[in-house]
Amino acid sequence: MVIDTPINDERLENIQNFFEQLTWFPKEIVKRISYVRPPSKREIARVKQLKEVYSEPIGEWSLKKQLEDGERVLFTNDFLERGLLSIHNRILAKTPIQKYQLNGCCYPGSRRLYVSVDGNFSICE
């Protein structure tokens, strides 16, 4: 399902009610949700530069509803779970890993930043 703007609580609640009222539609079916076009990194950086708060309306609505009633099956559950999947699937080891594959290109000062254990920032690699 692709959701276009405007995205607000009323609209998301209407979609939730629609799925809850479908008696023939299995509740456990995963509903994939995305925006028409997610904001680009440039747009997010511009918003942060203007000191505005970056908004994630689907995630915010989902979190609020989960906190209100954790037993309710939301049509946005997969949206939340995909966001947490990379954390859940991370490598866990009892001892330090000898070899670790890099997870992306580094453009020093642009895409990655090295943060030391004492909180100092350095250019990656």
N, C-alpha and C. Protein backbone atom coordinates (compact mmCIF):
# COMPACT_ATOMS: atom_id res chain seq x y z
N MET A 1 0.85 -1.15 0.00
CA MET A 1 0.00 0.00 0.00
C MET A 1 0.90 1.23 0.00
N VAL A 2 0.62 2.16 -0.88
CA VAL A 2 1.39 3.39 -0.96
C VAL A 2 0.50 4.53 -0.47
N ILE A 3 0.99 5.28 0.48
CA ILE A 3 0.21 6.37 1.06
C ILE A 3 0.79 7.70 0.60
N ASP A 4 -0.09 8.55 0.13
CA ASP A 4 0.29 9.88 -0.35
C ASP A 4 -0.07 10.92 0.70
N THR A 5 0.47 12.10 0.56
CA THR A 5 0.17 13.20 1.47
C THR A 5 -1.23 13.72 1.20
N PRO A 6 -1.90 14.32 2.12
CA PRO A 6 -1.45 14.55 3.50
C PRO A 6 -1.62 13.29 4.35
N ILE A 7 -0.67 13.08 5.22
CA ILE A 7 -0.73 11.95 6.13
C ILE A 7 -0.95 12.50 7.53
N ASN A 8 -2.08 12.14 8.11
CA ASN A 8 -2.38 12.62 9.45
C ASN A 8 -3.07 11.50 10.23
N ASP A 9 -3.28 11.73 11.53
CA ASP A 9 -3.86 10.70 12.39
C ASP A 9 -5.24 10.28 11.92
N GLU A 10 -6.06 11.23 11.50
CA GLU A 10 -7.43 10.92 11.07
C GLU A 10 -7.41 9.98 9.85
N ARG A 11 -6.56 10.27 8.91
CA ARG A 11 -6.49 9.44 7.70
C ARG A 11 -5.98 8.04 8.03
N LEU A 12 -4.96 7.94 8.86
CA LEU A 12 -4.43 6.63 9.23
C LEU A 12 -5.45 5.84 10.05
N GLU A 13 -6.20 6.51 10.90
CA GLU A 13 -7.24 5.84 11.69
C GLU A 13 -8.35 5.32 10.77
N ASN A 14 -8.69 6.09 9.74
CA ASN A 14 -9.70 5.63 8.77
C ASN A 14 -9.24 4.37 8.04
N ILE A 15 -7.97 4.33 7.67
CA ILE A 15 -7.43 3.13 7.00
C ILE A 15 -7.46 1.95 7.96
N GLN A 16 -7.06 2.19 9.22
CA GLN A 16 -7.08 1.13 10.23
C GLN A 16 -8.51 0.59 10.40
N ASN A 17 -9.48 1.48 10.50
CA ASN A 17 -10.87 1.06 10.66
C ASN A 17 -11.35 0.27 9.44
N PHE A 18 -10.94 0.68 8.26
CA PHE A 18 -11.30 -0.04 7.05
C PHE A 18 -10.85 -1.51 7.13
N PHE A 19 -9.60 -1.73 7.50
CA PHE A 19 -9.09 -3.10 7.59
C PHE A 19 -9.76 -3.87 8.72
N GLU A 20 -10.08 -3.21 9.81
CA GLU A 20 -10.73 -3.91 10.93
C GLU A 20 -12.16 -4.32 10.58
N GLN A 21 -12.81 -3.59 9.69
CA GLN A 21 -14.20 -3.89 9.33
C GLN A 21 -14.32 -4.95 8.24
N LEU A 22 -13.23 -5.30 7.60
CA LEU A 22 -13.28 -6.34 6.56
C LEU A 22 -13.34 -7.71 7.24
N THR A 23 -14.51 -8.31 7.24
CA THR A 23 -14.67 -9.60 7.93
C THR A 23 -14.03 -10.74 7.16
N TRP A 24 -13.94 -10.62 5.85
CA TRP A 24 -13.40 -11.70 5.02
C TRP A 24 -11.88 -11.63 4.87
N PHE A 25 -11.26 -10.54 5.31
CA PHE A 25 -9.83 -10.32 5.11
C PHE A 25 -9.08 -10.81 6.35
N PRO A 26 -8.19 -11.81 6.22
CA PRO A 26 -7.46 -12.33 7.38
C PRO A 26 -6.62 -11.25 8.07
N LYS A 27 -6.78 -11.13 9.37
CA LYS A 27 -6.08 -10.09 10.14
C LYS A 27 -4.57 -10.27 10.14
N GLU A 28 -4.10 -11.54 10.00
CA GLU A 28 -2.66 -11.79 10.09
C GLU A 28 -1.90 -11.51 8.79
N ILE A 29 -2.59 -11.14 7.74
CA ILE A 29 -1.90 -10.83 6.48
C ILE A 29 -1.06 -9.56 6.66
N VAL A 30 0.19 -9.63 6.22
CA VAL A 30 1.10 -8.50 6.32
C VAL A 30 0.76 -7.48 5.25
N LYS A 31 0.65 -6.23 5.66
CA LYS A 31 0.36 -5.15 4.72
C LYS A 31 1.61 -4.29 4.59
N ARG A 32 2.24 -4.28 3.42
CA ARG A 32 3.44 -3.49 3.17
C ARG A 32 3.04 -2.04 2.91
N ILE A 33 3.63 -1.14 3.60
CA ILE A 33 3.27 0.28 3.49
C ILE A 33 4.51 1.09 3.16
N SER A 34 4.33 2.06 2.28
CA SER A 34 5.43 2.99 1.99
C SER A 34 4.83 4.31 1.56
N TYR A 35 5.68 5.30 1.50
CA TYR A 35 5.27 6.61 1.03
C TYR A 35 5.36 6.63 -0.49
N VAL A 36 4.65 7.58 -1.13
CA VAL A 36 4.73 7.72 -2.58
C VAL A 36 6.18 7.91 -2.97
N ARG A 37 6.84 8.81 -2.31
CA ARG A 37 8.26 9.04 -2.53
C ARG A 37 8.85 9.45 -1.19
N PRO A 38 9.70 8.62 -0.64
CA PRO A 38 10.30 9.00 0.64
C PRO A 38 11.18 10.23 0.46
N PRO A 39 11.36 11.00 1.52
CA PRO A 39 12.21 12.18 1.40
C PRO A 39 13.66 11.79 1.11
N SER A 40 14.31 12.58 0.29
CA SER A 40 15.70 12.31 -0.04
C SER A 40 16.60 12.72 1.13
N LYS A 41 17.84 12.25 1.08
CA LYS A 41 18.81 12.64 2.12
C LYS A 41 19.01 14.15 2.12
N ARG A 42 18.98 14.74 0.92
CA ARG A 42 19.13 16.20 0.80
C ARG A 42 17.96 16.92 1.48
N GLU A 43 16.74 16.42 1.28
CA GLU A 43 15.57 17.05 1.90
C GLU A 43 15.63 16.92 3.42
N ILE A 44 16.01 15.77 3.91
CA ILE A 44 16.12 15.56 5.35
C ILE A 44 17.19 16.48 5.93
N ALA A 45 18.33 16.59 5.25
CA ALA A 45 19.41 17.47 5.72
C ALA A 45 18.95 18.92 5.74
N ARG A 46 18.19 19.34 4.72
CA ARG A 46 17.71 20.71 4.66
C ARG A 46 16.77 21.01 5.82
N VAL A 47 15.89 20.07 6.13
CA VAL A 47 14.96 20.25 7.24
C VAL A 47 15.73 20.35 8.56
N LYS A 48 16.72 19.48 8.72
CA LYS A 48 17.52 19.53 9.95
C LYS A 48 18.31 20.83 10.05
N GLN A 49 18.80 21.32 8.90
CA GLN A 49 19.56 22.56 8.88
C GLN A 49 18.68 23.74 9.29
N LEU A 50 17.42 23.70 8.92
CA LEU A 50 16.48 24.76 9.29
C LEU A 50 15.99 24.59 10.72
N LYS A 51 16.51 23.58 11.42
CA LYS A 51 16.17 23.27 12.80
C LYS A 51 14.70 22.94 12.99
N GLU A 52 14.11 22.37 11.95
CA GLU A 52 12.76 21.85 12.04
C GLU A 52 12.87 20.39 12.44
N VAL A 53 11.82 19.86 13.00
CA VAL A 53 11.82 18.46 13.40
C VAL A 53 11.39 17.62 12.20
N TYR A 54 12.20 16.61 11.87
CA TYR A 54 11.85 15.70 10.78
C TYR A 54 10.72 14.80 11.27
N SER A 55 9.67 14.71 10.49
CA SER A 55 8.49 13.97 10.89
C SER A 55 8.38 12.66 10.13
N GLU A 56 7.97 11.63 10.83
CA GLU A 56 7.70 10.31 10.25
C GLU A 56 6.28 9.95 10.65
N PRO A 57 5.27 10.50 9.93
CA PRO A 57 3.89 10.38 10.40
C PRO A 57 3.37 8.96 10.57
N ILE A 58 3.70 8.05 9.67
CA ILE A 58 3.21 6.67 9.81
C ILE A 58 3.82 6.02 11.04
N GLY A 59 5.12 6.19 11.22
CA GLY A 59 5.79 5.62 12.39
C GLY A 59 5.30 6.22 13.69
N GLU A 60 5.09 7.54 13.71
CA GLU A 60 4.61 8.21 14.93
C GLU A 60 3.21 7.74 15.30
N TRP A 61 2.32 7.64 14.30
CA TRP A 61 0.96 7.18 14.55
C TRP A 61 0.99 5.73 15.06
N SER A 62 1.78 4.89 14.42
CA SER A 62 1.86 3.48 14.79
C SER A 62 2.35 3.31 16.22
N LEU A 63 3.39 4.04 16.57
CA LEU A 63 3.94 3.95 17.92
C LEU A 63 2.92 4.40 18.96
N LYS A 64 2.23 5.50 18.67
CA LYS A 64 1.23 6.01 19.60
C LYS A 64 0.12 4.98 19.81
N LYS A 65 -0.35 4.35 18.72
CA LYS A 65 -1.42 3.35 18.82
C LYS A 65 -0.94 2.10 19.55
N GLN A 66 0.30 1.69 19.33
CA GLN A 66 0.84 0.51 20.03
C GLN A 66 0.93 0.77 21.53
N LEU A 67 1.30 2.01 21.91
CA LEU A 67 1.39 2.34 23.33
C LEU A 67 0.01 2.39 23.97
N GLU A 68 -1.00 2.82 23.19
CA GLU A 68 -2.37 2.88 23.71
C GLU A 68 -2.95 1.47 23.89
N ASP A 69 -2.73 0.61 22.92
CA ASP A 69 -3.30 -0.73 22.95
C ASP A 69 -2.38 -1.69 22.21
N GLY A 70 -1.48 -2.32 22.93
CA GLY A 70 -0.49 -3.21 22.33
C GLY A 70 -1.07 -4.47 21.72
N GLU A 71 -2.32 -4.81 22.06
CA GLU A 71 -2.95 -6.01 21.53
C GLU A 71 -3.60 -5.77 20.16
N ARG A 72 -3.80 -4.53 19.80
CA ARG A 72 -4.48 -4.21 18.54
C ARG A 72 -3.56 -4.50 17.36
N VAL A 73 -4.07 -5.19 16.36
CA VAL A 73 -3.29 -5.49 15.16
C VAL A 73 -3.43 -4.31 14.21
N LEU A 74 -2.35 -3.57 14.04
CA LEU A 74 -2.37 -2.38 13.18
C LEU A 74 -1.99 -2.73 11.75
N PHE A 75 -2.57 -2.03 10.80
CA PHE A 75 -2.19 -2.24 9.40
C PHE A 75 -0.77 -1.77 9.15
N THR A 76 -0.20 -1.03 10.07
CA THR A 76 1.16 -0.51 9.93
C THR A 76 2.20 -1.33 10.68
N ASN A 77 1.83 -2.48 11.24
CA ASN A 77 2.79 -3.28 12.02
C ASN A 77 4.06 -3.59 11.24
N ASP A 78 3.91 -3.97 9.97
CA ASP A 78 5.09 -4.30 9.17
C ASP A 78 6.00 -3.08 8.99
N PHE A 79 5.43 -1.91 8.89
CA PHE A 79 6.21 -0.67 8.75
C PHE A 79 7.14 -0.51 9.96
N LEU A 80 6.63 -0.75 11.15
CA LEU A 80 7.45 -0.66 12.36
C LEU A 80 8.48 -1.79 12.42
N GLU A 81 8.04 -3.00 12.10
CA GLU A 81 8.93 -4.16 12.21
C GLU A 81 10.11 -4.06 11.24
N ARG A 82 9.88 -3.56 10.03
CA ARG A 82 10.98 -3.42 9.07
C ARG A 82 12.03 -2.46 9.59
N GLY A 83 11.58 -1.41 10.29
CA GLY A 83 12.52 -0.45 10.85
C GLY A 83 13.40 -1.04 11.94
N LEU A 84 12.87 -2.01 12.67
CA LEU A 84 13.61 -2.64 13.77
C LEU A 84 14.35 -3.90 13.35
N LEU A 85 14.08 -4.38 12.14
CA LEU A 85 14.66 -5.64 11.68
C LEU A 85 16.19 -5.62 11.62
N SER A 86 16.78 -4.50 11.20
CA SER A 86 18.24 -4.44 11.11
C SER A 86 18.88 -4.54 12.50
N ILE A 87 18.21 -4.01 13.50
CA ILE A 87 18.73 -4.13 14.87
C ILE A 87 18.57 -5.58 15.35
N HIS A 88 17.42 -6.15 15.10
CA HIS A 88 17.15 -7.53 15.53
C HIS A 88 18.11 -8.52 14.87
N ASN A 89 18.43 -8.30 13.60
CA ASN A 89 19.27 -9.24 12.84
C ASN A 89 20.76 -8.94 12.92
N ARG A 90 21.16 -8.02 13.77
CA ARG A 90 22.58 -7.67 13.87
C ARG A 90 23.38 -8.87 14.40
N ILE A 91 24.66 -8.86 14.17
CA ILE A 91 25.53 -9.94 14.62
C ILE A 91 25.78 -9.78 16.11
N LEU A 92 25.55 -10.84 16.84
CA LEU A 92 25.85 -10.88 18.27
C LEU A 92 26.90 -11.96 18.50
N ALA A 93 27.93 -11.62 19.24
CA ALA A 93 29.00 -12.58 19.51
C ALA A 93 29.51 -12.40 20.93
N LYS A 94 29.93 -13.50 21.53
CA LYS A 94 30.46 -13.45 22.88
C LYS A 94 31.91 -12.96 22.89
N THR A 95 32.59 -13.15 21.78
CA THR A 95 33.98 -12.69 21.65
C THR A 95 34.09 -11.77 20.44
N PRO A 96 35.12 -10.94 20.39
CA PRO A 96 35.27 -10.05 19.24
C PRO A 96 35.34 -10.82 17.92
N ILE A 97 34.72 -10.27 16.91
CA ILE A 97 34.71 -10.89 15.59
C ILE A 97 36.04 -10.57 14.90
N GLN A 98 36.70 -11.60 14.35
CA GLN A 98 38.00 -11.41 13.71
C GLN A 98 37.89 -10.69 12.37
N LYS A 99 36.86 -11.01 11.61
CA LYS A 99 36.67 -10.37 10.30
C LYS A 99 35.23 -9.89 10.22
N TYR A 100 35.07 -8.68 9.72
CA TYR A 100 33.74 -8.11 9.59
C TYR A 100 33.64 -7.40 8.25
N GLN A 101 32.64 -7.77 7.47
CA GLN A 101 32.48 -7.17 6.16
C GLN A 101 31.98 -5.73 6.29
N LEU A 102 32.58 -4.84 5.51
CA LEU A 102 32.14 -3.44 5.54
C LEU A 102 30.74 -3.35 4.98
N ASN A 103 29.98 -2.37 5.48
CA ASN A 103 28.58 -2.28 5.08
C ASN A 103 28.28 -1.08 4.20
N GLY A 104 29.22 -0.58 3.48
CA GLY A 104 28.93 0.52 2.57
C GLY A 104 30.16 1.38 2.34
N CYS A 105 30.10 2.15 1.31
CA CYS A 105 31.21 3.04 0.98
C CYS A 105 31.25 4.22 1.93
N CYS A 106 32.43 4.68 2.20
CA CYS A 106 32.60 5.83 3.06
C CYS A 106 33.06 7.02 2.22
N TYR A 107 32.34 8.09 2.34
CA TYR A 107 32.75 9.36 1.74
C TYR A 107 33.12 10.26 2.91
N PRO A 108 34.41 10.34 3.25
CA PRO A 108 34.83 11.06 4.46
C PRO A 108 34.21 12.45 4.56
N GLY A 109 33.61 12.71 5.72
CA GLY A 109 33.00 14.00 5.98
C GLY A 109 31.63 14.17 5.36
N SER A 110 31.17 13.17 4.64
CA SER A 110 29.89 13.30 3.95
C SER A 110 28.88 12.25 4.41
N ARG A 111 29.21 10.97 4.20
CA ARG A 111 28.26 9.90 4.51
C ARG A 111 28.50 9.22 5.84
N ARG A 112 29.70 9.21 6.30
CA ARG A 112 30.00 8.49 7.53
C ARG A 112 30.82 9.39 8.45
N LEU A 113 30.71 9.08 9.72
CA LEU A 113 31.45 9.83 10.72
C LEU A 113 31.92 8.84 11.78
N TYR A 114 33.15 8.94 12.18
CA TYR A 114 33.69 8.06 13.22
C TYR A 114 33.50 8.76 14.56
N VAL A 115 32.89 8.06 15.50
CA VAL A 115 32.69 8.59 16.84
C VAL A 115 33.48 7.71 17.80
N SER A 116 34.44 8.31 18.50
CA SER A 116 35.26 7.52 19.43
C SER A 116 34.46 7.24 20.70
N VAL A 117 34.99 6.36 21.54
CA VAL A 117 34.29 5.98 22.76
C VAL A 117 34.14 7.15 23.74
N ASP A 118 35.02 8.15 23.63
CA ASP A 118 34.90 9.31 24.51
C ASP A 118 34.06 10.44 23.88
N GLY A 119 33.44 10.16 22.72
CA GLY A 119 32.52 11.11 22.13
C GLY A 119 33.11 12.08 21.14
N ASN A 120 34.39 11.93 20.82
CA ASN A 120 35.01 12.82 19.83
C ASN A 120 34.67 12.36 18.41
N PHE A 121 34.46 13.31 17.52
CA PHE A 121 34.15 13.01 16.12
C PHE A 121 35.42 13.08 15.28
N SER A 122 35.55 12.16 14.34
CA SER A 122 36.67 12.14 13.42
C SER A 122 36.16 11.75 12.04
N ILE A 123 36.99 12.02 11.03
CA ILE A 123 36.63 11.59 9.67
C ILE A 123 36.78 10.08 9.60
N CYS A 124 35.81 9.44 9.00
CA CYS A 124 35.81 7.99 8.88
C CYS A 124 36.97 7.56 7.98
N GLU A 125 37.58 6.45 8.32
CA GLU A 125 38.67 5.82 7.57
C GLU A 125 39.78 6.78 7.28
